[in-house]
Amino acid sequence: MVRRGTACWDGNVCINFATEMLGWLKGVVKGEGVYSIVLRKKSGVVEVRRVKDGTGGIVSDEFLAWRGSEGG
């Protein structure tokens, strides 16, 4: 259990950030492919660009076949 107070980690902050970031990313990324996400620290800009087609070997052929059979 995380204690409340100064210099303590708050899991709600992490979950809320992840929710907002993934929601934003879902709106930016259109279609399938491998994307690169880069944070430019000095400017605070997040760059998202498509690198190539495919899944980058992360998603199995079995999953893709299943997803295709479910209507995607």
PDB file of N, CA and C in Angstrom:
ATOM      1  N   MET A   1       0.847  -1.184   0.000  1.00  0.00           N
ATOM      2  CA  MET A   1       0.000   0.000   0.000  1.00  0.00           C
ATOM      3  C   MET A   1       0.888   1.242   0.000  1.00  0.00           C
ATOM      4  N   VAL A   2       0.560   2.169  -0.855  1.00  0.00           N
ATOM      5  CA  VAL A   2       1.325   3.405  -0.960  1.00  0.00           C
ATOM      6  C   VAL A   2       0.738   4.427   0.000  1.00  0.00           C
ATOM      7  N   ARG A   3       1.613   5.040   0.782  1.00  0.00           N
ATOM      8  CA  ARG A   3       1.163   6.061   1.727  1.00  0.00           C
ATOM      9  C   ARG A   3       0.959   7.393   1.022  1.00  0.00           C
ATOM     10  N   ARG A   4       0.068   8.179   1.522  1.00  0.00           N
ATOM     11  CA  ARG A   4      -0.165   9.523   0.996  1.00  0.00           C
ATOM     12  C   ARG A   4       0.810  10.481   1.661  1.00  0.00           C
ATOM     13  N   GLY A   5       1.167  11.532   0.948  1.00  0.00           N
ATOM     14  CA  GLY A   5       2.049  12.534   1.509  1.00  0.00           C
ATOM     15  C   GLY A   5       3.051  13.000   0.477  1.00  0.00           C
ATOM     16  N   THR A   6       4.015  13.781   0.914  1.00  0.00           N
ATOM     17  CA  THR A   6       5.004  14.304  -0.015  1.00  0.00           C
ATOM     18  C   THR A   6       5.972  13.209  -0.434  1.00  0.00           C
ATOM     19  N   ALA A   7       6.430  13.294  -1.658  1.00  0.00           N
ATOM     20  CA  ALA A   7       7.404  12.370  -2.241  1.00  0.00           C
ATOM     21  C   ALA A   7       6.920  10.926  -2.281  1.00  0.00           C
ATOM     22  N   CYS A   8       5.598  10.735  -2.310  1.00  0.00           N
ATOM     23  CA  CYS A   8       5.037   9.390  -2.424  1.00  0.00           C
ATOM     24  C   CYS A   8       4.441   9.215  -3.814  1.00  0.00           C
ATOM     25  N   TRP A   9       4.586   8.019  -4.330  1.00  0.00           N
ATOM     26  CA  TRP A   9       4.049   7.692  -5.644  1.00  0.00           C
ATOM     27  C   TRP A   9       2.543   7.530  -5.554  1.00  0.00           C
ATOM     28  N   ASP A  10       1.829   8.140  -6.483  1.00  0.00           N
ATOM     29  CA  ASP A  10       0.374   8.031  -6.528  1.00  0.00           C
ATOM     30  C   ASP A  10      -0.006   7.266  -7.792  1.00  0.00           C
ATOM     31  N   GLY A  11      -0.476   6.049  -7.628  1.00  0.00           N
ATOM     32  CA  GLY A  11      -0.835   5.204  -8.755  1.00  0.00           C
ATOM     33  C   GLY A  11      -1.924   5.799  -9.625  1.00  0.00           C
ATOM     34  N   ASN A  12      -2.813   6.593  -9.042  1.00  0.00           N
ATOM     35  CA  ASN A  12      -3.877   7.224  -9.825  1.00  0.00           C
ATOM     36  C   ASN A  12      -3.317   8.181 -10.867  1.00  0.00           C
ATOM     37  N   VAL A  13      -2.241   8.877 -10.526  1.00  0.00           N
ATOM     38  CA  VAL A  13      -1.604   9.785 -11.481  1.00  0.00           C
ATOM     39  C   VAL A  13      -1.082   8.992 -12.671  1.00  0.00           C
ATOM     40  N   CYS A  14      -0.450   7.867 -12.398  1.00  0.00           N
ATOM     41  CA  CYS A  14       0.087   7.010 -13.454  1.00  0.00           C
ATOM     42  C   CYS A  14      -1.028   6.483 -14.353  1.00  0.00           C
ATOM     43  N   ILE A  15      -2.090   5.970 -13.764  1.00  0.00           N
ATOM     44  CA  ILE A  15      -3.213   5.423 -14.527  1.00  0.00           C
ATOM     45  C   ILE A  15      -3.880   6.515 -15.354  1.00  0.00           C
ATOM     46  N   ASN A  16      -4.086   7.687 -14.774  1.00  0.00           N
ATOM     47  CA  ASN A  16      -4.712   8.786 -15.504  1.00  0.00           C
ATOM     48  C   ASN A  16      -3.851   9.251 -16.670  1.00  0.00           C
ATOM     49  N   PHE A  17      -2.529   9.329 -16.453  1.00  0.00           N
ATOM     50  CA  PHE A  17      -1.623   9.705 -17.539  1.00  0.00           C
ATOM     51  C   PHE A  17      -1.676   8.677 -18.661  1.00  0.00           C
ATOM     52  N   ALA A  18      -1.602   7.394 -18.306  1.00  0.00           N
ATOM     53  CA  ALA A  18      -1.631   6.329 -19.316  1.00  0.00           C
ATOM     54  C   ALA A  18      -2.940   6.361 -20.101  1.00  0.00           C
ATOM     55  N   THR A  19      -4.046   6.596 -19.429  1.00  0.00           N
ATOM     56  CA  THR A  19      -5.350   6.675 -20.093  1.00  0.00           C
ATOM     57  C   THR A  19      -5.376   7.804 -21.115  1.00  0.00           C
ATOM     58  N   GLU A  20      -4.917   8.975 -20.703  1.00  0.00           N
ATOM     59  CA  GLU A  20      -4.902  10.129 -21.608  1.00  0.00           C
ATOM     60  C   GLU A  20      -3.933   9.926 -22.764  1.00  0.00           C
ATOM     61  N   MET A  21      -2.750   9.398 -22.475  1.00  0.00           N
ATOM     62  CA  MET A  21      -1.733   9.183 -23.514  1.00  0.00           C
ATOM     63  C   MET A  21      -2.215   8.169 -24.547  1.00  0.00           C
ATOM     64  N   LEU A  22      -2.768   7.049 -24.092  1.00  0.00           N
ATOM     65  CA  LEU A  22      -3.243   6.025 -25.019  1.00  0.00           C
ATOM     66  C   LEU A  22      -4.451   6.511 -25.819  1.00  0.00           C
ATOM     67  N   GLY A  23      -5.313   7.300 -25.201  1.00  0.00           N
ATOM     68  CA  GLY A  23      -6.442   7.882 -25.923  1.00  0.00           C
ATOM     69  C   GLY A  23      -5.975   8.825 -27.018  1.00  0.00           C
ATOM     70  N   TRP A  24      -4.996   9.664 -26.696  1.00  0.00           N
ATOM     71  CA  TRP A  24      -4.424  10.577 -27.684  1.00  0.00           C
ATOM     72  C   TRP A  24      -3.755   9.795 -28.807  1.00  0.00           C
ATOM     73  N   LEU A  25      -2.987   8.777 -28.440  1.00  0.00           N
ATOM     74  CA  LEU A  25      -2.270   7.967 -29.424  1.00  0.00           C
ATOM     75  C   LEU A  25      -3.238   7.247 -30.357  1.00  0.00           C
ATOM     76  N   LYS A  26      -4.347   6.777 -29.817  1.00  0.00           N
ATOM     77  CA  LYS A  26      -5.358   6.098 -30.635  1.00  0.00           C
ATOM     78  C   LYS A  26      -5.924   7.048 -31.684  1.00  0.00           C
ATOM     79  N   GLY A  27      -6.043   8.320 -31.361  1.00  0.00           N
ATOM     80  CA  GLY A  27      -6.524   9.309 -32.319  1.00  0.00           C
ATOM     81  C   GLY A  27      -5.497   9.687 -33.369  1.00  0.00           C
ATOM     82  N   VAL A  28      -4.222   9.555 -33.032  1.00  0.00           N
ATOM     83  CA  VAL A  28      -3.140   9.929 -33.949  1.00  0.00           C
ATOM     84  C   VAL A  28      -2.796   8.796 -34.905  1.00  0.00           C
ATOM     85  N   VAL A  29      -2.716   7.581 -34.386  1.00  0.00           N
ATOM     86  CA  VAL A  29      -2.315   6.422 -35.191  1.00  0.00           C
ATOM     87  C   VAL A  29      -3.525   5.930 -35.977  1.00  0.00           C
ATOM     88  N   LYS A  30      -3.406   5.980 -37.280  1.00  0.00           N
ATOM     89  CA  LYS A  30      -4.486   5.524 -38.163  1.00  0.00           C
ATOM     90  C   LYS A  30      -3.978   4.347 -38.982  1.00  0.00           C
ATOM     91  N   GLY A  31      -4.663   3.252 -38.924  1.00  0.00           N
ATOM     92  CA  GLY A  31      -4.272   2.084 -39.702  1.00  0.00           C
ATOM     93  C   GLY A  31      -3.203   1.267 -39.005  1.00  0.00           C
ATOM     94  N   GLU A  32      -2.839   0.184 -39.669  1.00  0.00           N
ATOM     95  CA  GLU A  32      -1.843  -0.714 -39.105  1.00  0.00           C
ATOM     96  C   GLU A  32      -0.448  -0.298 -39.530  1.00  0.00           C
ATOM     97  N   GLY A  33       0.532  -0.820 -38.848  1.00  0.00           N
ATOM     98  CA  GLY A  33       1.921  -0.539 -39.165  1.00  0.00           C
ATOM     99  C   GLY A  33       2.736  -0.443 -37.898  1.00  0.00           C
ATOM    100  N   VAL A  34       4.021  -0.207 -38.075  1.00  0.00           N
ATOM    101  CA  VAL A  34       4.942  -0.021 -36.955  1.00  0.00           C
ATOM    102  C   VAL A  34       5.200   1.474 -36.837  1.00  0.00           C
ATOM    103  N   TYR A  35       5.005   2.002 -35.642  1.00  0.00           N
ATOM    104  CA  TYR A  35       5.157   3.434 -35.409  1.00  0.00           C
ATOM    105  C   TYR A  35       6.290   3.711 -34.427  1.00  0.00           C
ATOM    106  N   SER A  36       6.900   4.867 -34.582  1.00  0.00           N
ATOM    107  CA  SER A  36       7.924   5.346 -33.660  1.00  0.00           C
ATOM    108  C   SER A  36       7.330   6.510 -32.874  1.00  0.00           C
ATOM    109  N   ILE A  37       7.524   6.487 -31.554  1.00  0.00           N
ATOM    110  CA  ILE A  37       7.049   7.561 -30.687  1.00  0.00           C
ATOM    111  C   ILE A  37       8.263   8.153 -29.989  1.00  0.00           C
ATOM    112  N   VAL A  38       8.474   9.457 -30.180  1.00  0.00           N
ATOM    113  CA  VAL A  38       9.649  10.122 -29.621  1.00  0.00           C
ATOM    114  C   VAL A  38       9.209  11.370 -28.868  1.00  0.00           C
ATOM    115  N   LEU A  39       9.711  11.541 -27.648  1.00  0.00           N
ATOM    116  CA  LEU A  39       9.480  12.762 -26.873  1.00  0.00           C
ATOM    117  C   LEU A  39      10.701  13.654 -27.018  1.00  0.00           C
ATOM    118  N   ARG A  40      10.509  14.840 -27.558  1.00  0.00           N
ATOM    119  CA  ARG A  40      11.577  15.836 -27.651  1.00  0.00           C
ATOM    120  C   ARG A  40      11.601  16.589 -26.321  1.00  0.00           C
ATOM    121  N   LYS A  41      12.563  16.246 -25.488  1.00  0.00           N
ATOM    122  CA  LYS A  41      12.572  16.738 -24.102  1.00  0.00           C
ATOM    123  C   LYS A  41      12.605  18.254 -23.984  1.00  0.00           C
ATOM    124  N   LYS A  42      13.434  18.915 -24.766  1.00  0.00           N
ATOM    125  CA  LYS A  42      13.562  20.364 -24.610  1.00  0.00           C
ATOM    126  C   LYS A  42      12.293  21.110 -25.001  1.00  0.00           C
ATOM    127  N   SER A  43      11.591  20.602 -26.002  1.00  0.00           N
ATOM    128  CA  SER A  43      10.379  21.285 -26.457  1.00  0.00           C
ATOM    129  C   SER A  43       9.106  20.675 -25.881  1.00  0.00           C
ATOM    130  N   GLY A  44       9.190  19.436 -25.378  1.00  0.00           N
ATOM    131  CA  GLY A  44       8.016  18.757 -24.853  1.00  0.00           C
ATOM    132  C   GLY A  44       7.096  18.221 -25.935  1.00  0.00           C
ATOM    133  N   VAL A  45       7.575  18.208 -27.177  1.00  0.00           N
ATOM    134  CA  VAL A  45       6.775  17.737 -28.309  1.00  0.00           C
ATOM    135  C   VAL A  45       6.898  16.223 -28.429  1.00  0.00           C
ATOM    136  N   VAL A  46       5.766  15.558 -28.662  1.00  0.00           N
ATOM    137  CA  VAL A  46       5.757  14.118 -28.907  1.00  0.00           C
ATOM    138  C   VAL A  46       5.571  13.915 -30.403  1.00  0.00           C
ATOM    139  N   GLU A  47       6.531  13.221 -31.025  1.00  0.00           N
ATOM    140  CA  GLU A  47       6.456  12.937 -32.458  1.00  0.00           C
ATOM    141  C   GLU A  47       6.042  11.487 -32.656  1.00  0.00           C
ATOM    142  N   VAL A  48       5.067  11.282 -33.527  1.00  0.00           N
ATOM    143  CA  VAL A  48       4.613   9.936 -33.877  1.00  0.00           C
ATOM    144  C   VAL A  48       4.736   9.815 -35.384  1.00  0.00           C
ATOM    145  N   ARG A  49       5.471   8.803 -35.832  1.00  0.00           N
ATOM    146  CA  ARG A  49       5.588   8.605 -37.272  1.00  0.00           C
ATOM    147  C   ARG A  49       5.558   7.126 -37.606  1.00  0.00           C
ATOM    148  N   ARG A  50       5.008   6.842 -38.763  1.00  0.00           N
ATOM    149  CA  ARG A  50       4.929   5.465 -39.228  1.00  0.00           C
ATOM    150  C   ARG A  50       6.284   5.070 -39.785  1.00  0.00           C
ATOM    151  N   VAL A  51       6.803   3.933 -39.324  1.00  0.00           N
ATOM    152  CA  VAL A  51       8.118   3.462 -39.736  1.00  0.00           C
ATOM    153  C   VAL A  51       8.011   2.482 -40.896  1.00  0.00           C
ATOM    154  N   LYS A  52       7.078   1.536 -40.785  1.00  0.00           N
ATOM    155  CA  LYS A  52       6.922   0.536 -41.843  1.00  0.00           C
ATOM    156  C   LYS A  52       5.581  -0.169 -41.704  1.00  0.00           C
ATOM    157  N   ASP A  53       5.271  -0.982 -42.712  1.00  0.00           N
ATOM    158  CA  ASP A  53       4.060  -1.805 -42.683  1.00  0.00           C
ATOM    159  C   ASP A  53       4.287  -3.014 -41.793  1.00  0.00           C
ATOM    160  N   GLY A  54       3.211  -3.702 -41.489  1.00  0.00           N
ATOM    161  CA  GLY A  54       3.314  -4.934 -40.715  1.00  0.00           C
ATOM    162  C   GLY A  54       3.142  -4.699 -39.236  1.00  0.00           C
ATOM    163  N   THR A  55       3.583  -5.688 -38.453  1.00  0.00           N
ATOM    164  CA  THR A  55       3.439  -5.620 -36.997  1.00  0.00           C
ATOM    165  C   THR A  55       4.775  -5.598 -36.280  1.00  0.00           C
ATOM    166  N   GLY A  56       5.863  -5.662 -37.015  1.00  0.00           N
ATOM    167  CA  GLY A  56       7.172  -5.676 -36.381  1.00  0.00           C
ATOM    168  C   GLY A  56       7.473  -6.978 -35.674  1.00  0.00           C
ATOM    169  N   GLY A  57       6.714  -8.028 -35.994  1.00  0.00           N
ATOM    170  CA  GLY A  57       6.940  -9.335 -35.382  1.00  0.00           C
ATOM    171  C   GLY A  57       6.406  -9.455 -33.965  1.00  0.00           C
ATOM    172  N   ILE A  58       5.676  -8.458 -33.491  1.00  0.00           N
ATOM    173  CA  ILE A  58       5.163  -8.486 -32.120  1.00  0.00           C
ATOM    174  C   ILE A  58       3.871  -9.285 -32.036  1.00  0.00           C
ATOM    175  N   VAL A  59       3.028  -9.156 -33.056  1.00  0.00           N
ATOM    176  CA  VAL A  59       1.732  -9.827 -33.065  1.00  0.00           C
ATOM    177  C   VAL A  59       1.853 -11.115 -33.868  1.00  0.00           C
ATOM    178  N   SER A  60       1.385 -12.217 -33.296  1.00  0.00           N
ATOM    179  CA  SER A  60       1.511 -13.523 -33.962  1.00  0.00           C
ATOM    180  C   SER A  60       0.552 -13.642 -35.144  1.00  0.00           C
ATOM    181  N   ASP A  61       0.918 -14.494 -36.101  1.00  0.00           N
ATOM    182  CA  ASP A  61       0.054 -14.762 -37.246  1.00  0.00           C
ATOM    183  C   ASP A  61      -1.274 -15.359 -36.792  1.00  0.00           C
ATOM    184  N   GLU A  62      -1.233 -16.170 -35.740  1.00  0.00           N
ATOM    185  CA  GLU A  62      -2.453 -16.779 -35.212  1.00  0.00           C
ATOM    186  C   GLU A  62      -3.427 -15.716 -34.706  1.00  0.00           C
ATOM    187  N   PHE A  63      -2.901 -14.731 -34.008  1.00  0.00           N
ATOM    188  CA  PHE A  63      -3.761 -13.657 -33.510  1.00  0.00           C
ATOM    189  C   PHE A  63      -4.363 -12.867 -34.664  1.00  0.00           C
ATOM    190  N   LEU A  64      -3.533 -12.546 -35.664  1.00  0.00           N
ATOM    191  CA  LEU A  64      -4.035 -11.801 -36.813  1.00  0.00           C
ATOM    192  C   LEU A  64      -5.131 -12.575 -37.539  1.00  0.00           C
ATOM    193  N   ALA A  65      -4.953 -13.895 -37.673  1.00  0.00           N
ATOM    194  CA  ALA A  65      -5.972 -14.729 -38.317  1.00  0.00           C
ATOM    195  C   ALA A  65      -7.255 -14.731 -37.489  1.00  0.00           C
ATOM    196  N   TRP A  66      -7.121 -14.848 -36.171  1.00  0.00           N
ATOM    197  CA  TRP A  66      -8.290 -14.825 -35.286  1.00  0.00           C
ATOM    198  C   TRP A  66      -9.008 -13.483 -35.381  1.00  0.00           C
ATOM    199  N   ARG A  67      -8.239 -12.399 -35.335  1.00  0.00           N
ATOM    200  CA  ARG A  67      -8.837 -11.070 -35.401  1.00  0.00           C
ATOM    201  C   ARG A  67      -9.567 -10.874 -36.724  1.00  0.00           C
ATOM    202  N   GLY A  68      -8.982 -11.372 -37.806  1.00  0.00           N
ATOM    203  CA  GLY A  68      -9.625 -11.273 -39.111  1.00  0.00           C
ATOM    204  C   GLY A  68     -10.923 -12.053 -39.175  1.00  0.00           C
ATOM    205  N   SER A  69     -10.971 -13.188 -38.486  1.00  0.00           N
ATOM    206  CA  SER A  69     -12.183 -14.015 -38.499  1.00  0.00           C
ATOM    207  C   SER A  69     -13.288 -13.426 -37.627  1.00  0.00           C
ATOM    208  N   GLU A  70     -12.917 -12.554 -36.690  1.00  0.00           N
ATOM    209  CA  GLU A  70     -13.887 -11.923 -35.789  1.00  0.00           C
ATOM    210  C   GLU A  70     -14.467 -10.640 -36.377  1.00  0.00           C
ATOM    211  N   GLY A  71     -13.957 -10.210 -37.502  1.00  0.00           N
ATOM    212  CA  GLY A  71     -14.461  -8.976 -38.105  1.00  0.00           C
ATOM    213  C   GLY A  71     -13.673  -7.748 -37.713  1.00  0.00           C
ATOM    214  N   GLY A  72     -12.503  -7.947 -37.065  1.00  0.00           N
ATOM    215  CA  GLY A  72     -11.542  -6.920 -36.807  1.00  0.00           C
ATOM    216  C   GLY A  72     -11.768  -5.891 -35.829  1.00  0.00           C
TER     217      GLY A  72
END
